[in-house]
Amino acid sequence: MRRKFLSSKQKLKGWKEMEMGGTISTPGSSVDFKVGEFRTIQRPVIDLSRCTKCYICWAECPEPCIYRKEDGFVEIDYDFCKGCGICAEDCPVKCIHMVPEAE
């Protein structure tokens, strides 16, 4: 199948004029799908003995997969974690480490 490309004279529609596509869904729909199945290389693991409960990982996570527990610590829901590593990168005390998915 050959792809069709726009010529330099054609104008693209703005995002408000575009129709819903097959892969586009409503905002906040990631909670409906287990996007953690996309994770193939690494996953984050939290060392709770070093966690200061700053919640930066929770605030920076692009998916709804880090949540606060009753004891104040955070937990990762691997059904929704894509393994992007943002939580590990942004953790100020480096208590989150990325490990190979196979471990």
N, C-alpha and C. Protein backbone atom coordinates (compact mmCIF):
# COMPACT_ATOMS: atom_id res chain seq x y z
N MET A 1 0.84 -1.18 0.00
CA MET A 1 0.00 0.00 0.00
C MET A 1 0.89 1.24 0.00
N ARG A 2 0.60 2.13 -0.87
CA ARG A 2 1.40 3.34 -1.00
C ARG A 2 0.76 4.48 -0.23
N ARG A 3 1.56 5.23 0.53
CA ARG A 3 1.04 6.35 1.30
C ARG A 3 0.86 7.57 0.42
N LYS A 4 -0.15 8.36 0.74
CA LYS A 4 -0.38 9.61 0.03
C LYS A 4 0.17 10.75 0.88
N PHE A 5 0.96 11.59 0.29
CA PHE A 5 1.52 12.74 0.98
C PHE A 5 0.88 14.01 0.48
N LEU A 6 0.78 15.00 1.33
CA LEU A 6 0.22 16.29 0.94
C LEU A 6 1.22 17.06 0.10
N SER A 7 0.72 17.76 -0.88
CA SER A 7 1.60 18.64 -1.63
C SER A 7 1.81 19.91 -0.81
N SER A 8 2.78 20.69 -1.15
CA SER A 8 3.08 21.91 -0.39
C SER A 8 1.96 22.94 -0.51
N LYS A 9 1.06 22.78 -1.48
CA LYS A 9 -0.03 23.74 -1.66
C LYS A 9 -1.29 23.35 -0.89
N GLN A 10 -1.37 22.12 -0.41
CA GLN A 10 -2.54 21.69 0.34
C GLN A 10 -2.44 22.17 1.79
N LYS A 11 -3.59 22.52 2.35
CA LYS A 11 -3.61 23.02 3.72
C LYS A 11 -4.17 21.93 4.65
N LEU A 12 -3.51 21.73 5.77
CA LEU A 12 -3.98 20.77 6.76
C LEU A 12 -5.13 21.35 7.56
N LYS A 13 -6.05 20.50 8.00
CA LYS A 13 -7.13 20.93 8.87
C LYS A 13 -6.56 21.20 10.26
N GLY A 14 -7.16 22.14 10.96
CA GLY A 14 -6.79 22.37 12.35
C GLY A 14 -7.33 21.23 13.21
N TRP A 15 -6.82 21.07 14.40
CA TRP A 15 -7.22 19.93 15.23
C TRP A 15 -8.70 19.97 15.60
N LYS A 16 -9.30 21.15 15.64
CA LYS A 16 -10.72 21.25 15.97
C LYS A 16 -11.61 20.81 14.80
N GLU A 17 -11.09 20.89 13.58
CA GLU A 17 -11.86 20.50 12.41
C GLU A 17 -11.70 19.02 12.06
N MET A 18 -10.74 18.36 12.65
CA MET A 18 -10.48 16.96 12.31
C MET A 18 -11.55 16.06 12.90
N GLU A 19 -11.89 14.99 12.17
CA GLU A 19 -12.84 14.01 12.65
C GLU A 19 -12.13 13.03 13.56
N MET A 20 -12.89 12.36 14.43
CA MET A 20 -12.31 11.35 15.30
C MET A 20 -11.76 10.22 14.45
N GLY A 21 -10.58 9.78 14.78
CA GLY A 21 -9.96 8.69 14.05
C GLY A 21 -10.08 7.38 14.80
N GLY A 22 -9.61 6.33 14.19
CA GLY A 22 -9.70 5.01 14.80
C GLY A 22 -8.84 4.85 16.03
N THR A 23 -7.77 5.61 16.13
CA THR A 23 -6.89 5.46 17.28
C THR A 23 -7.04 6.61 18.27
N ILE A 24 -7.88 7.56 17.96
CA ILE A 24 -8.08 8.69 18.86
C ILE A 24 -9.32 8.42 19.69
N SER A 25 -9.24 8.63 20.97
CA SER A 25 -10.40 8.43 21.83
C SER A 25 -10.61 9.67 22.68
N THR A 26 -11.58 9.60 23.52
CA THR A 26 -11.92 10.77 24.33
C THR A 26 -10.84 11.05 25.38
N PRO A 27 -10.71 12.28 25.83
CA PRO A 27 -9.71 12.62 26.85
C PRO A 27 -9.91 11.79 28.12
N GLY A 28 -8.81 11.37 28.70
CA GLY A 28 -8.86 10.60 29.95
C GLY A 28 -9.21 9.14 29.75
N SER A 29 -9.19 8.66 28.52
CA SER A 29 -9.60 7.28 28.26
C SER A 29 -8.51 6.27 28.58
N SER A 30 -7.31 6.72 28.96
CA SER A 30 -6.25 5.76 29.25
C SER A 30 -6.59 4.88 30.45
N VAL A 31 -7.51 5.33 31.30
CA VAL A 31 -7.92 4.48 32.42
C VAL A 31 -8.78 3.32 31.94
N ASP A 32 -9.28 3.38 30.71
CA ASP A 32 -10.09 2.30 30.16
C ASP A 32 -9.24 1.20 29.53
N PHE A 33 -7.98 1.47 29.27
CA PHE A 33 -7.12 0.52 28.59
C PHE A 33 -5.88 0.24 29.42
N LYS A 34 -5.46 -1.01 29.46
CA LYS A 34 -4.25 -1.38 30.19
C LYS A 34 -3.04 -1.08 29.31
N VAL A 35 -2.61 0.18 29.34
CA VAL A 35 -1.53 0.62 28.48
C VAL A 35 -0.17 0.07 28.91
N GLY A 36 -0.10 -0.55 30.08
CA GLY A 36 1.14 -1.16 30.53
C GLY A 36 1.58 -2.30 29.63
N GLU A 37 0.66 -2.83 28.83
CA GLU A 37 1.02 -3.89 27.90
C GLU A 37 1.99 -3.40 26.83
N PHE A 38 2.11 -2.07 26.66
CA PHE A 38 3.05 -1.51 25.69
C PHE A 38 4.48 -1.57 26.21
N ARG A 39 4.66 -1.71 27.54
CA ARG A 39 5.98 -1.70 28.16
C ARG A 39 6.72 -2.98 27.77
N THR A 40 7.90 -2.83 27.20
CA THR A 40 8.64 -4.01 26.77
C THR A 40 10.07 -4.08 27.29
N ILE A 41 10.64 -2.97 27.70
CA ILE A 41 12.06 -2.97 28.04
C ILE A 41 12.30 -2.85 29.54
N GLN A 42 11.79 -1.78 30.16
CA GLN A 42 12.06 -1.55 31.57
C GLN A 42 10.80 -1.12 32.31
N ARG A 43 10.84 -1.33 33.64
CA ARG A 43 9.76 -0.88 34.50
C ARG A 43 10.36 -0.24 35.74
N PRO A 44 9.66 0.72 36.34
CA PRO A 44 10.18 1.37 37.55
C PRO A 44 9.90 0.54 38.80
N VAL A 45 10.84 0.58 39.71
CA VAL A 45 10.70 -0.08 41.01
C VAL A 45 11.05 0.95 42.07
N ILE A 46 10.23 1.04 43.11
CA ILE A 46 10.43 2.05 44.16
C ILE A 46 11.08 1.41 45.38
N ASP A 47 12.14 2.02 45.89
CA ASP A 47 12.77 1.63 47.15
C ASP A 47 12.11 2.49 48.23
N LEU A 48 11.09 1.95 48.89
CA LEU A 48 10.32 2.72 49.86
C LEU A 48 11.14 3.15 51.07
N SER A 49 12.25 2.49 51.34
CA SER A 49 13.08 2.90 52.48
C SER A 49 13.76 4.24 52.22
N ARG A 50 13.85 4.65 50.97
CA ARG A 50 14.47 5.93 50.62
C ARG A 50 13.46 7.00 50.25
N CYS A 51 12.20 6.61 50.06
CA CYS A 51 11.16 7.54 49.62
C CYS A 51 10.86 8.58 50.70
N THR A 52 10.78 9.85 50.29
CA THR A 52 10.49 10.95 51.23
C THR A 52 9.04 11.43 51.12
N LYS A 53 8.24 10.73 50.32
CA LYS A 53 6.83 11.09 50.11
C LYS A 53 6.66 12.50 49.55
N CYS A 54 7.52 12.87 48.64
CA CYS A 54 7.43 14.20 48.03
C CYS A 54 6.37 14.25 46.92
N TYR A 55 6.00 13.11 46.38
CA TYR A 55 4.97 12.95 45.35
C TYR A 55 5.31 13.58 44.00
N ILE A 56 6.58 13.85 43.77
CA ILE A 56 6.97 14.38 42.46
C ILE A 56 6.73 13.32 41.38
N CYS A 57 6.99 12.06 41.69
CA CYS A 57 6.75 10.99 40.72
C CYS A 57 5.26 10.93 40.37
N TRP A 58 4.42 11.06 41.36
CA TRP A 58 2.96 11.04 41.16
C TRP A 58 2.52 12.21 40.29
N ALA A 59 3.08 13.38 40.55
CA ALA A 59 2.69 14.57 39.79
C ALA A 59 3.19 14.54 38.35
N GLU A 60 4.35 13.95 38.12
CA GLU A 60 4.97 13.97 36.78
C GLU A 60 4.57 12.79 35.90
N CYS A 61 3.98 11.76 36.45
CA CYS A 61 3.61 10.57 35.68
C CYS A 61 2.57 10.92 34.62
N PRO A 62 2.85 10.61 33.34
CA PRO A 62 1.89 10.96 32.28
C PRO A 62 0.69 10.01 32.20
N GLU A 63 0.72 8.91 32.90
CA GLU A 63 -0.39 7.96 32.93
C GLU A 63 -0.92 7.87 34.36
N PRO A 64 -2.14 7.40 34.53
CA PRO A 64 -2.67 7.28 35.90
C PRO A 64 -2.19 6.00 36.57
N CYS A 65 -0.87 5.84 36.72
CA CYS A 65 -0.37 4.57 37.25
C CYS A 65 0.36 4.70 38.58
N ILE A 66 0.63 5.89 39.05
CA ILE A 66 1.24 6.07 40.36
C ILE A 66 0.18 6.69 41.27
N TYR A 67 -0.05 6.04 42.37
CA TYR A 67 -1.05 6.57 43.29
C TYR A 67 -0.57 6.48 44.73
N ARG A 68 -1.14 7.32 45.56
CA ARG A 68 -0.76 7.37 46.97
C ARG A 68 -1.58 6.37 47.77
N LYS A 69 -0.90 5.66 48.66
CA LYS A 69 -1.57 4.69 49.52
C LYS A 69 -1.91 5.37 50.86
N GLU A 70 -2.65 4.68 51.69
CA GLU A 70 -3.08 5.24 52.97
C GLU A 70 -1.90 5.60 53.87
N ASP A 71 -0.80 4.87 53.76
CA ASP A 71 0.37 5.15 54.61
C ASP A 71 1.21 6.32 54.09
N GLY A 72 0.78 6.92 52.98
CA GLY A 72 1.50 8.08 52.44
C GLY A 72 2.51 7.74 51.36
N PHE A 73 2.87 6.48 51.24
CA PHE A 73 3.81 6.08 50.20
C PHE A 73 3.07 5.93 48.88
N VAL A 74 3.83 5.86 47.80
CA VAL A 74 3.24 5.68 46.48
C VAL A 74 3.41 4.25 46.02
N GLU A 75 2.57 3.87 45.08
CA GLU A 75 2.64 2.53 44.50
C GLU A 75 2.42 2.66 43.00
N ILE A 76 3.00 1.75 42.25
CA ILE A 76 2.87 1.78 40.79
C ILE A 76 1.91 0.68 40.35
N ASP A 77 0.95 1.05 39.55
CA ASP A 77 0.03 0.07 38.96
C ASP A 77 0.61 -0.29 37.59
N TYR A 78 1.22 -1.47 37.50
CA TYR A 78 1.92 -1.87 36.29
C TYR A 78 0.97 -2.16 35.12
N ASP A 79 -0.33 -2.25 35.38
CA ASP A 79 -1.27 -2.40 34.27
C ASP A 79 -1.31 -1.15 33.41
N PHE A 80 -0.93 -0.01 33.99
CA PHE A 80 -1.00 1.26 33.25
C PHE A 80 0.37 1.89 32.99
N CYS A 81 1.42 1.38 33.61
CA CYS A 81 2.76 1.96 33.45
C CYS A 81 3.36 1.55 32.11
N LYS A 82 3.80 2.54 31.33
CA LYS A 82 4.43 2.28 30.04
C LYS A 82 5.94 2.14 30.14
N GLY A 83 6.49 2.38 31.32
CA GLY A 83 7.93 2.26 31.49
C GLY A 83 8.72 3.41 30.89
N CYS A 84 8.13 4.60 30.88
CA CYS A 84 8.78 5.75 30.25
C CYS A 84 9.98 6.25 31.06
N GLY A 85 9.98 6.02 32.37
CA GLY A 85 11.11 6.41 33.21
C GLY A 85 11.07 7.83 33.72
N ILE A 86 10.01 8.56 33.45
CA ILE A 86 9.91 9.94 33.93
C ILE A 86 9.95 9.98 35.46
N CYS A 87 9.27 9.05 36.11
CA CYS A 87 9.25 9.03 37.57
C CYS A 87 10.66 8.83 38.13
N ALA A 88 11.42 7.93 37.55
CA ALA A 88 12.79 7.67 38.01
C ALA A 88 13.70 8.86 37.74
N GLU A 89 13.52 9.49 36.61
CA GLU A 89 14.34 10.65 36.24
C GLU A 89 14.07 11.84 37.15
N ASP A 90 12.81 12.06 37.51
CA ASP A 90 12.44 13.24 38.29
C ASP A 90 12.51 13.05 39.79
N CYS A 91 12.69 11.84 40.28
CA CYS A 91 12.74 11.59 41.72
C CYS A 91 13.98 12.27 42.32
N PRO A 92 13.78 13.22 43.26
CA PRO A 92 14.93 13.95 43.79
C PRO A 92 15.88 13.12 44.65
N VAL A 93 15.38 12.05 45.25
CA VAL A 93 16.25 11.22 46.10
C VAL A 93 16.66 9.92 45.40
N LYS A 94 16.23 9.76 44.15
CA LYS A 94 16.58 8.60 43.32
C LYS A 94 16.20 7.27 43.98
N CYS A 95 14.98 7.23 44.54
CA CYS A 95 14.51 5.97 45.13
C CYS A 95 13.77 5.12 44.11
N ILE A 96 13.59 5.64 42.90
CA ILE A 96 12.94 4.86 41.84
C ILE A 96 14.01 4.49 40.81
N HIS A 97 14.08 3.20 40.51
CA HIS A 97 15.08 2.70 39.57
C HIS A 97 14.37 1.94 38.46
N MET A 98 14.89 2.07 37.27
CA MET A 98 14.35 1.32 36.14
C MET A 98 15.10 -0.01 36.07
N VAL A 99 14.33 -1.09 36.01
CA VAL A 99 14.92 -2.43 35.94
C VAL A 99 14.39 -3.13 34.68
N PRO A 100 15.14 -4.10 34.17
CA PRO A 100 14.65 -4.82 32.99
C PRO A 100 13.29 -5.48 33.28
N GLU A 101 12.42 -5.45 32.33
CA GLU A 101 11.06 -6.01 32.49
C GLU A 101 11.10 -7.48 32.90
N ALA A 102 12.11 -8.21 32.48
CA ALA A 102 12.19 -9.63 32.78
C ALA A 102 12.47 -9.92 34.26
N GLU A 103 12.99 -8.95 35.00
CA GLU A 103 13.32 -9.18 36.42
C GLU A 103 12.09 -9.14 37.29
